[in-house]
Amino acid sequence: PGSAEAEQAELQRLVDTFERSRWAGRSAVEVEREIHLPLQGRTVICKIDAVFQEGERFEVVDWKTGKAPKDRQDLEAKQLQLALYRQAFAEWRGIDPSLIDAVFYYVSDDAIIRPERLYDREELAELWRAVAG
C-alpha cells in the first residue's frame, strides 16, 4: 500500500493528464448513465462514463485508470464492453447505433483506444447465445 502522499500525487497526475485530453473542455450530454439493455432474455447493466455529442454524432467514452490493452486478444475482450454500451445508448435514446462511436480513454497512459469494430445488436445476441449455450 502506498502512502497518502503518493496516492494524492498519482491522482493529481491523472487529473492533469485528463485536463490535457480532447474531452477536457467539452460538456458531456450524459455522465455516469446507467442503462439496462435487454439481451437474449437477460438484462445487461451498462454504466456509461460519458457521452459527448458533435453534430448528429455521439461518442461513448469509457475512462480507464489501468493500463491499455496489451495485445489484440486483450482488446477483443474489452471492446465487447464498448459495443454493449453503444447499443444500450442507441436504444435508450432511440438513435441509430451507426451514429455512435465508442472509445476507451486510458488516462494513465494518455491513450485513446478505438476498437477495431463494434458489434451490432444481432452480433451481440449471437455472442451471448454462444457463451450461454
Protein backbone atom coordinates (compact mmCIF):
# COMPACT_ATOMS: atom_id res chain seq x y z
CA PRO A 1 0.00 0.00 0.00
CA GLY A 2 1.26 3.45 -0.96
CA SER A 3 1.35 6.45 1.25
CA ALA A 4 -1.42 9.02 1.20
CA GLU A 5 1.02 11.47 -0.40
CA ALA A 6 1.88 9.02 -3.19
CA GLU A 7 -1.79 8.29 -3.83
CA GLN A 8 -2.58 12.02 -3.94
CA ALA A 9 0.31 12.62 -6.36
CA GLU A 10 -0.94 9.84 -8.65
CA LEU A 11 -4.47 11.23 -8.56
CA GLN A 12 -3.15 14.68 -9.44
CA ARG A 13 -1.14 13.18 -12.33
CA LEU A 14 -4.32 11.56 -13.68
CA VAL A 15 -6.27 14.82 -13.33
CA ASP A 16 -3.50 16.76 -15.10
CA THR A 17 -3.44 14.19 -17.90
CA PHE A 18 -7.21 14.35 -18.32
CA GLU A 19 -7.11 18.15 -18.37
CA ARG A 20 -4.88 17.92 -21.47
CA SER A 21 -7.21 15.43 -23.18
CA ARG A 22 -9.55 16.27 -26.06
CA TRP A 23 -12.56 15.99 -23.72
CA ALA A 24 -11.35 18.39 -21.03
CA GLY A 25 -13.05 21.49 -22.42
CA ARG A 26 -16.21 19.76 -23.62
CA SER A 27 -19.51 19.18 -21.88
CA ALA A 28 -20.88 15.67 -21.89
CA VAL A 29 -24.53 15.08 -22.77
CA GLU A 30 -24.54 12.13 -20.35
CA VAL A 31 -22.31 11.33 -17.37
CA GLU A 32 -22.40 8.16 -15.28
CA ARG A 33 -25.57 6.98 -17.04
CA GLU A 34 -26.81 3.51 -16.12
CA ILE A 35 -28.81 1.85 -18.89
CA HIS A 36 -30.32 -1.62 -18.75
CA LEU A 37 -30.02 -3.42 -22.09
CA PRO A 38 -32.32 -6.40 -22.64
CA LEU A 39 -30.37 -9.09 -24.49
CA GLN A 40 -31.39 -12.71 -25.06
CA GLY A 41 -33.77 -12.85 -22.10
CA ARG A 42 -31.26 -11.24 -19.75
CA THR A 43 -30.57 -7.67 -18.73
CA VAL A 44 -27.08 -6.27 -19.21
CA ILE A 45 -26.38 -3.32 -16.92
CA CYS A 46 -24.29 -0.74 -18.76
CA LYS A 47 -22.71 2.02 -16.68
CA ILE A 48 -21.56 4.55 -19.23
CA ASP A 49 -18.94 7.02 -18.02
CA ALA A 50 -19.64 9.80 -20.53
CA VAL A 51 -21.25 10.54 -23.86
CA PHE A 52 -20.32 13.54 -25.98
CA GLN A 53 -22.17 14.89 -28.98
CA GLU A 54 -20.82 16.70 -32.01
CA GLY A 55 -23.43 17.48 -34.62
CA GLU A 56 -25.52 14.37 -35.15
CA ARG A 57 -22.76 12.01 -33.98
CA PHE A 58 -22.22 10.75 -30.46
CA GLU A 59 -19.16 9.33 -28.74
CA VAL A 60 -19.34 6.99 -25.77
CA VAL A 61 -16.18 7.31 -23.67
CA ASP A 62 -15.15 4.80 -21.05
CA TRP A 63 -12.44 6.21 -18.77
CA LYS A 64 -9.83 3.73 -17.59
CA THR A 65 -7.14 4.29 -14.98
CA GLY A 66 -5.38 0.96 -15.62
CA LYS A 67 -3.08 0.05 -18.47
CA ALA A 68 -4.17 -0.04 -22.12
CA PRO A 69 -4.79 -3.45 -23.73
CA LYS A 70 -1.54 -5.34 -24.12
CA ASP A 71 -2.43 -7.23 -27.28
CA ARG A 72 -5.13 -7.95 -29.85
CA GLN A 73 -6.80 -10.62 -27.70
CA ASP A 74 -6.99 -8.25 -24.72
CA LEU A 75 -8.52 -5.53 -26.91
CA GLU A 76 -11.03 -8.01 -28.38
CA ALA A 77 -12.26 -8.91 -24.91
CA LYS A 78 -12.54 -5.29 -23.82
CA GLN A 79 -14.22 -3.94 -26.96
CA LEU A 80 -17.30 -6.07 -26.23
CA GLN A 81 -17.98 -3.66 -23.35
CA LEU A 82 -18.00 -0.69 -25.72
CA ALA A 83 -20.30 -2.47 -28.17
CA LEU A 84 -22.78 -3.13 -25.36
CA TYR A 85 -22.57 0.50 -24.21
CA ARG A 86 -23.11 1.78 -27.74
CA GLN A 87 -26.12 -0.46 -28.28
CA ALA A 88 -27.60 0.43 -24.90
CA PHE A 89 -27.21 4.16 -25.51
CA ALA A 90 -28.67 3.88 -29.03
CA GLU A 91 -31.75 2.05 -27.83
CA TRP A 92 -32.22 4.28 -24.78
CA ARG A 93 -32.01 7.45 -26.91
CA GLY A 94 -33.79 5.95 -29.92
CA ILE A 95 -30.98 6.68 -32.36
CA ASP A 96 -29.18 4.64 -34.99
CA PRO A 97 -26.12 2.90 -33.48
CA SER A 98 -24.14 3.82 -36.61
CA LEU A 99 -24.21 7.43 -35.34
CA ILE A 100 -22.36 6.42 -32.19
CA ASP A 101 -18.62 5.95 -31.83
CA ALA A 102 -17.11 4.43 -28.70
CA VAL A 103 -13.61 4.67 -27.26
CA PHE A 104 -11.60 3.85 -24.20
CA TYR A 105 -9.50 6.61 -22.72
CA TYR A 106 -6.67 5.16 -20.65
CA VAL A 107 -5.83 8.20 -18.57
CA SER A 108 -2.74 6.64 -17.01
CA ASP A 109 -1.21 6.14 -20.48
CA ASP A 110 -2.94 9.18 -22.06
CA ALA A 111 -4.07 6.75 -24.74
CA ILE A 112 -7.28 6.72 -26.75
CA ILE A 113 -8.08 3.19 -27.85
CA ARG A 114 -10.66 2.69 -30.57
CA PRO A 115 -11.95 -0.81 -31.07
CA GLU A 116 -11.32 -2.32 -34.46
CA ARG A 117 -15.06 -2.89 -34.76
CA LEU A 118 -18.19 -2.58 -32.67
CA TYR A 119 -20.63 -5.47 -32.77
CA ASP A 120 -24.22 -4.69 -33.73
CA ARG A 121 -27.23 -5.97 -31.78
CA GLU A 122 -27.50 -9.25 -33.70
CA GLU A 123 -23.79 -9.97 -33.27
CA LEU A 124 -24.08 -9.23 -29.54
CA ALA A 125 -27.03 -11.62 -29.30
CA GLU A 126 -25.08 -14.30 -31.19
CA LEU A 127 -22.08 -13.90 -28.87
CA TRP A 128 -24.41 -14.21 -25.88
CA ARG A 129 -26.01 -17.35 -27.31
CA ALA A 130 -22.56 -18.86 -27.90
CA VAL A 131 -21.46 -18.17 -24.33
CA ALA A 132 -24.75 -19.16 -22.68
CA GLY A 133 -25.35 -22.22 -24.85
